[in-house]
Amino acid sequence: MRPKKRATHRDVAALAGVSTAVVSYVINNGPRQTSPDARRRVLAAIETLSYHPSAAARGLRLQRTRTIGFISYDYYPQNAFYAPYGAGVLTGLTFALQAKRHYILPYPLGIGEDLRGLHELLHSGRVDGVVVRLAQEPPVTDEVLEIIAAAGVPCVCIERAGAPHFGFSSVTYDDEGAAFAATTYLIEQGHRRIAHVTGDLRQVAARDRLAGYRRALNVAGLPLDEDLIQGGSWLPAEALAGSRKLLSLCDPPTAVFAANDHLALSVIEVLREHGRRIPEDVAVLGFDDVPLSQELVPPLSTVRIPFTDLGRQAADILLQIIRDKSAEHIAETVPLELIRRGTA
């Protein structure tokens, strides 16, 4: 059976008894007005013929693809798909872009990887702009941003801003300040022996959360005991091992601030292995507020990153830049929230 021939704008014009220009004016809502009768006949013809404008043809005419690239530049690029962070950001991006009839092209990119594929993508004209998630700061991120700038592709950075000379807009948040607030909260609850289980210290987020923890202890006049700092990876194995070391100390902690919720879950697992009650014996506080945090018994106290808002705001800013290339540089900071639940 031969496939049904796709209707064209000429078919619509012939059925409606108007010119192809009038069909274009109706579909695009301009640039010229059409009479109510002509508009009615064109819309009726479109419905009768099940006509859908060719996205490729419109893209060539308008020099737009309505496709936005999402570059996740990280030591763990696969997290763009399955980790709560990446999934949340992608959700925000996708819904915000769909509402404006745009589409998303994920492009995970490992730090240190060959960048020729990125160069080819950006110079191919396949994307109208990019949102790039940066897990590092300048100068580590400069090479990627130089490729984006050289291609003349509008860009918004999320999590970390790029070097100022690129002039790219950004949507960021304050890891260090939120970690300071989280540790201060534990101090205000009466804890004096507070441990920290760190993430991968190659990433700025992990380093900033450690810095916030250290600053809170210093401001409170509490001594910094390096034995209370364990971890060094986002993987559960190191968090489990670090938690066991904490419990083996002569003076173990009464509270643990973990650099993310999954590390906090590993801490809780070890505490339960050793018969410790949570929060009566040891309080635990995480970071991120992944969906599983609310399902624990007791539910996990944590710092909430509004992942979907992060993606949504980045999409809105990028579409604004695409519409108006002369738009001013925008730098937004998304507020983080300390969520008090049952573990601390």
Protein backbone atom coordinates (compact mmCIF):
# COMPACT_ATOMS: atom_id res chain seq x y z
CA MET A 1 0.00 0.00 0.00
CA ARG A 2 1.46 3.34 -1.02
CA PRO A 3 1.75 5.94 1.79
CA LYS A 4 -0.76 8.78 1.72
CA LYS A 5 0.64 11.90 0.12
CA ARG A 6 1.24 14.68 2.63
CA ALA A 7 -0.85 17.80 2.09
CA THR A 8 1.03 21.00 1.24
CA HIS A 9 0.24 24.67 1.75
CA ARG A 10 -0.62 24.81 -1.98
CA ASP A 11 -3.30 22.17 -1.42
CA VAL A 12 -4.70 24.26 1.43
CA ALA A 13 -4.69 27.39 -0.75
CA ALA A 14 -6.47 25.59 -3.60
CA LEU A 15 -9.20 24.16 -1.34
CA ALA A 16 -9.71 27.46 0.47
CA GLY A 17 -9.69 29.49 -2.75
CA VAL A 18 -6.93 31.84 -1.58
CA SER A 19 -3.28 32.47 -2.40
CA THR A 20 -0.44 30.59 -0.70
CA ALA A 21 0.56 33.92 0.89
CA VAL A 22 -2.80 34.15 2.67
CA VAL A 23 -2.31 30.59 3.98
CA SER A 24 1.06 31.67 5.40
CA TYR A 25 -0.48 34.76 7.00
CA VAL A 26 -3.13 32.65 8.73
CA ILE A 27 -0.68 29.99 9.95
CA ASN A 28 1.85 32.54 11.21
CA ASN A 29 -0.66 35.13 12.45
CA GLY A 30 0.88 37.71 10.15
CA PRO A 31 2.74 39.68 9.07
CA ARG A 32 -0.41 40.86 7.21
CA GLN A 33 -4.04 40.69 8.32
CA THR A 34 -6.55 38.47 6.52
CA SER A 35 -10.31 38.84 6.31
CA PRO A 36 -12.38 36.78 8.76
CA ASP A 37 -13.90 34.86 5.84
CA ALA A 38 -10.51 34.00 4.33
CA ARG A 39 -9.20 32.93 7.71
CA ARG A 40 -12.25 30.73 8.28
CA ARG A 41 -11.83 29.03 4.88
CA VAL A 42 -8.10 28.44 5.41
CA LEU A 43 -8.64 26.91 8.86
CA ALA A 44 -11.41 24.69 7.47
CA ALA A 45 -9.13 23.53 4.64
CA ILE A 46 -6.32 22.81 7.11
CA GLU A 47 -8.66 20.61 9.16
CA THR A 48 -10.09 18.85 6.11
CA LEU A 49 -6.64 18.05 4.70
CA SER A 50 -5.02 17.33 8.11
CA TYR A 51 -2.33 19.76 7.04
CA HIS A 52 0.72 20.29 9.27
CA PRO A 53 3.37 22.86 8.29
CA SER A 54 6.77 21.33 7.56
CA ALA A 55 9.06 22.05 10.50
CA ALA A 56 12.11 21.68 8.27
CA ALA A 57 10.79 24.15 5.72
CA ARG A 58 9.81 26.68 8.37
CA GLY A 59 13.20 26.28 9.98
CA LEU A 60 14.97 27.05 6.73
CA ARG A 61 12.78 30.10 6.12
CA LEU A 62 13.09 31.49 9.63
CA GLN A 63 16.62 30.17 10.22
CA ARG A 64 15.28 28.50 13.38
CA THR A 65 15.09 24.82 14.35
CA ARG A 66 13.08 25.33 17.58
CA THR A 67 15.54 22.89 19.17
CA ILE A 68 17.51 23.68 22.32
CA GLY A 69 20.60 21.74 23.34
CA PHE A 70 21.15 20.72 26.97
CA ILE A 71 24.85 20.18 27.58
CA SER A 72 25.67 18.51 30.88
CA TYR A 73 29.39 19.17 31.35
CA ASP A 74 30.33 17.02 34.30
CA TYR A 75 32.59 14.26 35.59
CA TYR A 76 29.43 12.13 35.58
CA PRO A 77 27.70 13.11 32.30
CA GLN A 78 25.31 10.12 32.50
CA ASN A 79 23.66 11.85 35.48
CA ALA A 80 21.91 14.08 32.95
CA PHE A 81 19.49 11.20 32.37
CA TYR A 82 18.92 9.21 35.55
CA ALA A 83 20.16 11.13 38.60
CA PRO A 84 17.49 13.24 40.37
CA TYR A 85 19.43 16.42 39.60
CA GLY A 86 19.59 15.86 35.86
CA ALA A 87 16.07 14.46 35.66
CA GLY A 88 14.66 17.43 37.56
CA VAL A 89 16.44 20.01 35.41
CA LEU A 90 15.43 18.19 32.21
CA THR A 91 11.81 18.12 33.41
CA GLY A 92 11.81 21.88 33.99
CA LEU A 93 13.50 22.56 30.65
CA THR A 94 11.21 20.23 28.71
CA PHE A 95 7.93 21.58 30.05
CA ALA A 96 9.00 25.22 29.65
CA LEU A 97 10.17 24.60 26.08
CA GLN A 98 7.15 22.51 25.08
CA ALA A 99 4.87 25.33 26.18
CA LYS A 100 6.63 27.51 23.57
CA ARG A 101 6.73 24.71 20.97
CA HIS A 102 10.42 24.10 21.30
CA TYR A 103 12.23 20.80 21.71
CA ILE A 104 15.26 19.63 23.64
CA LEU A 105 18.40 17.79 22.53
CA PRO A 106 20.38 16.36 25.50
CA TYR A 107 24.15 16.30 25.02
CA PRO A 108 26.02 14.74 27.97
CA LEU A 109 29.70 15.70 27.94
CA GLY A 110 32.39 14.44 30.29
CA ILE A 111 35.02 16.85 31.60
CA GLY A 112 38.20 16.03 29.69
CA GLU A 113 36.38 14.46 26.72
CA ASP A 114 37.12 15.24 23.08
CA LEU A 115 35.14 18.37 22.15
CA ARG A 116 35.07 17.89 18.37
CA GLY A 117 31.55 16.44 18.50
CA LEU A 118 30.31 19.50 20.37
CA HIS A 119 32.02 21.78 17.84
CA GLU A 120 30.30 19.93 14.99
CA LEU A 121 26.88 20.10 16.66
CA LEU A 122 27.07 23.83 17.36
CA HIS A 123 28.24 24.69 13.85
CA SER A 124 25.66 22.44 12.17
CA GLY A 125 22.75 24.83 12.78
CA ARG A 126 20.77 22.07 14.55
CA VAL A 127 20.16 24.06 17.74
CA ASP A 128 18.91 27.61 18.28
CA GLY A 129 20.60 27.86 21.67
CA VAL A 130 22.03 25.81 24.52
CA VAL A 131 21.64 25.44 28.26
CA VAL A 132 24.90 24.18 29.71
CA ARG A 133 25.19 22.69 33.17
CA LEU A 134 28.63 23.40 34.62
CA ALA A 135 29.94 21.26 37.49
CA GLN A 136 33.19 23.24 37.54
CA GLU A 137 34.27 26.87 37.43
CA PRO A 138 36.63 28.83 35.20
CA PRO A 139 39.17 28.14 33.82
CA VAL A 140 38.09 24.47 33.61
CA THR A 141 34.90 25.45 31.76
CA ASP A 142 36.51 27.98 29.44
CA GLU A 143 37.23 25.59 26.56
CA VAL A 144 33.60 24.48 26.24
CA LEU A 145 32.27 28.02 26.51
CA GLU A 146 34.78 29.24 23.92
CA ILE A 147 33.36 26.72 21.43
CA ILE A 148 29.82 27.91 22.17
CA ALA A 149 30.84 31.58 21.85
CA ALA A 150 32.71 30.96 18.59
CA ALA A 151 29.63 29.30 17.11
CA GLY A 152 27.53 32.35 18.03
CA VAL A 153 24.94 30.17 19.76
CA PRO A 154 22.91 31.82 22.57
CA CYS A 155 23.76 30.19 25.90
CA VAL A 156 22.58 30.08 29.50
CA CYS A 157 24.77 28.44 32.16
CA ILE A 158 23.17 26.67 35.12
CA GLU A 159 24.58 25.67 38.52
CA ARG A 160 27.82 27.60 37.86
CA ALA A 161 28.35 30.77 35.89
CA GLY A 162 30.92 30.96 33.13
CA ALA A 163 33.82 33.39 33.08
CA PRO A 164 32.43 36.97 32.87
CA HIS A 165 34.14 37.79 29.57
CA PHE A 166 31.85 35.36 27.73
CA GLY A 167 28.82 37.43 28.74
CA PHE A 168 26.56 34.38 29.07
CA SER A 169 23.49 34.56 31.28
CA SER A 170 23.23 32.15 34.20
CA VAL A 171 20.92 30.56 36.76
CA THR A 172 22.87 29.51 39.84
CA TYR A 173 22.44 28.77 43.55
CA ASP A 174 24.56 29.13 46.68
CA ASP A 175 25.87 25.73 47.84
CA GLU A 176 28.21 27.25 50.40
CA GLY A 177 25.54 29.45 51.96
CA ALA A 178 23.02 26.59 52.16
CA ALA A 179 25.60 24.26 53.75
CA PHE A 180 26.40 27.00 56.28
CA ALA A 181 22.70 27.29 57.12
CA ALA A 182 22.29 23.51 57.43
CA THR A 183 25.27 23.12 59.76
CA THR A 184 24.21 26.16 61.78
CA TYR A 185 20.78 24.57 62.21
CA LEU A 186 22.41 21.45 63.70
CA ILE A 187 24.47 23.64 66.04
CA GLU A 188 21.31 25.44 67.14
CA GLN A 189 19.79 22.05 67.99
CA GLY A 190 22.58 21.63 70.56
CA HIS A 191 25.03 19.49 68.60
CA ARG A 192 28.74 20.11 69.11
CA ARG A 193 30.22 17.04 67.42
CA ILE A 194 28.98 17.41 63.83
CA ALA A 195 30.44 15.29 61.05
CA HIS A 196 30.41 15.94 57.32
CA VAL A 197 30.33 13.26 54.60
CA THR A 198 31.63 14.94 51.47
CA GLY A 199 30.89 14.37 47.81
CA ASP A 200 33.44 14.25 44.98
CA LEU A 201 35.74 17.15 45.81
CA ARG A 202 36.63 17.60 42.14
CA GLN A 203 33.21 19.25 41.83
CA VAL A 204 32.62 22.78 43.06
CA ALA A 205 29.34 21.78 44.71
CA ALA A 206 31.10 19.31 47.02
CA ARG A 207 33.88 21.78 47.85
CA ASP A 208 31.41 24.58 48.56
CA ARG A 209 29.30 22.39 50.83
CA LEU A 210 32.42 21.43 52.77
CA ALA A 211 33.38 25.12 52.97
CA GLY A 212 29.94 26.02 54.33
CA TYR A 213 30.25 23.32 56.99
CA ARG A 214 33.69 24.58 58.03
CA ARG A 215 32.53 28.20 58.16
CA ALA A 216 29.55 27.38 60.36
CA LEU A 217 31.77 25.62 62.90
CA ASN A 218 34.19 28.54 62.87
CA VAL A 219 31.45 31.15 63.36
CA ALA A 220 30.05 29.12 66.28
CA GLY A 221 33.52 28.86 67.88
CA LEU A 222 33.56 25.06 67.58
CA PRO A 223 36.84 23.25 66.92
CA LEU A 224 37.30 21.63 63.51
CA ASP A 225 38.15 17.94 63.89
CA GLU A 226 39.38 16.57 60.56
CA ASP A 227 38.44 13.05 61.70
CA LEU A 228 34.82 14.17 61.46
CA ILE A 229 35.19 14.78 57.70
CA GLN A 230 34.78 11.57 55.68
CA GLY A 231 33.80 10.49 52.18
CA GLY A 232 35.23 12.06 49.03
CA SER A 233 32.87 10.52 46.47
CA TRP A 234 29.20 10.51 45.51
CA LEU A 235 29.28 6.70 45.55
CA PRO A 236 27.65 4.83 48.47
CA ALA A 237 30.70 2.65 49.19
CA GLU A 238 32.83 5.52 50.46
CA ALA A 239 29.96 6.98 52.46
CA LEU A 240 29.37 3.62 54.11
CA ALA A 241 33.05 3.22 54.94
CA GLY A 242 33.31 6.82 56.17
CA SER A 243 30.23 6.42 58.39
CA ARG A 244 31.73 3.32 60.02
CA LYS A 245 34.92 5.30 60.73
CA LEU A 246 32.86 8.02 62.37
CA LEU A 247 31.16 5.55 64.69
CA SER A 248 34.50 4.01 65.63
CA LEU A 249 35.85 7.31 67.01
CA CYS A 250 36.38 7.62 70.75
CA ASP A 251 34.08 10.64 70.65
CA PRO A 252 31.66 9.94 67.74
CA PRO A 253 29.42 12.63 66.26
CA THR A 254 25.91 13.34 67.44
CA ALA A 255 24.96 14.76 64.03
CA VAL A 256 25.99 14.19 60.41
CA PHE A 257 25.58 16.63 57.54
CA ALA A 258 25.90 14.73 54.24
CA ALA A 259 26.71 16.46 50.94
CA ASN A 260 23.68 14.92 49.26
CA ASP A 261 20.66 12.81 50.12
CA HIS A 262 22.05 9.55 48.76
CA LEU A 263 25.10 9.91 51.00
CA ALA A 264 22.74 10.63 53.88
CA LEU A 265 20.93 7.35 53.15
CA SER A 266 24.24 5.50 53.44
CA VAL A 267 24.89 7.20 56.78
CA ILE A 268 21.44 6.14 58.02
CA GLU A 269 22.09 2.54 56.90
CA VAL A 270 25.27 2.36 58.99
CA LEU A 271 23.66 4.02 61.99
CA ARG A 272 20.90 1.42 61.96
CA GLU A 273 23.44 -1.39 61.59
CA HIS A 274 24.99 -0.17 64.83
CA GLY A 275 21.69 0.23 66.65
CA ARG A 276 21.75 4.03 66.72
CA ARG A 277 18.38 5.81 66.87
CA ILE A 278 17.67 8.66 64.46
CA PRO A 279 17.50 11.47 65.48
CA GLU A 280 17.64 10.63 69.22
CA ASP A 281 21.23 9.31 69.11
CA VAL A 282 22.47 10.82 65.86
CA ALA A 283 20.78 13.47 63.72
CA VAL A 284 21.21 13.28 59.93
CA LEU A 285 20.76 16.07 57.39
CA GLY A 286 21.15 15.76 53.60
CA PHE A 287 21.21 18.01 50.53
CA ASP A 288 19.10 18.07 47.30
CA ASP A 289 15.69 16.83 48.52
CA VAL A 290 15.30 13.91 46.12
CA PRO A 291 11.83 12.27 46.06
CA LEU A 292 12.98 9.33 48.20
CA SER A 293 13.81 11.70 51.08
CA GLN A 294 10.14 12.13 51.95
CA GLU A 295 9.46 8.38 51.88
CA LEU A 296 11.97 7.44 54.58
CA VAL A 297 10.88 6.63 58.11
CA PRO A 298 11.51 9.10 59.57
CA PRO A 299 11.60 11.39 56.52
CA LEU A 300 14.97 12.99 55.79
CA SER A 301 15.77 16.56 56.82
CA THR A 302 17.60 18.16 53.92
CA VAL A 303 18.35 21.24 51.80
CA ARG A 304 16.00 21.55 48.83
CA ILE A 305 17.31 22.48 45.39
CA PRO A 306 14.32 23.39 43.16
CA PHE A 307 15.55 21.38 40.16
CA THR A 308 12.55 21.97 37.92
CA ASP A 309 12.57 25.71 38.64
CA LEU A 310 16.23 25.78 37.67
CA GLY A 311 15.44 24.25 34.28
CA ARG A 312 12.33 26.35 33.76
CA GLN A 313 14.09 29.64 34.46
CA ALA A 314 17.01 28.72 32.21
CA ALA A 315 14.60 27.91 29.36
CA ASP A 316 12.71 31.19 29.77
CA ILE A 317 15.91 33.25 29.75
CA LEU A 318 17.31 31.42 26.73
CA LEU A 319 14.14 31.88 24.67
CA GLN A 320 14.19 35.58 25.57
CA ILE A 321 17.78 35.84 24.30
CA ILE A 322 16.91 33.96 21.10
CA ARG A 323 14.05 36.39 20.42
CA ASP A 324 16.21 39.42 21.19
CA LYS A 325 19.93 38.94 20.61
CA SER A 326 20.54 42.38 22.15
CA ALA A 327 18.95 41.35 25.48
CA GLU A 328 21.02 42.24 28.52
CA HIS A 329 23.01 39.66 30.46
CA ILE A 330 20.80 38.00 33.09
CA ALA A 331 22.19 36.44 36.27
CA GLU A 332 19.58 34.81 38.49
CA THR A 333 20.13 33.02 41.80
CA VAL A 334 17.63 30.33 42.80
CA PRO A 335 17.04 30.25 46.59
CA LEU A 336 17.65 26.97 48.45
CA GLU A 337 15.47 25.95 51.37
CA LEU A 338 16.26 24.04 54.56
CA ILE A 339 13.57 21.36 54.95
CA ARG A 340 13.10 20.25 58.56
CA ARG A 341 11.73 16.72 58.78
CA GLY A 342 12.23 13.76 61.09
CA THR A 343 15.95 12.97 61.00
CA ALA A 344 17.28 16.27 62.40
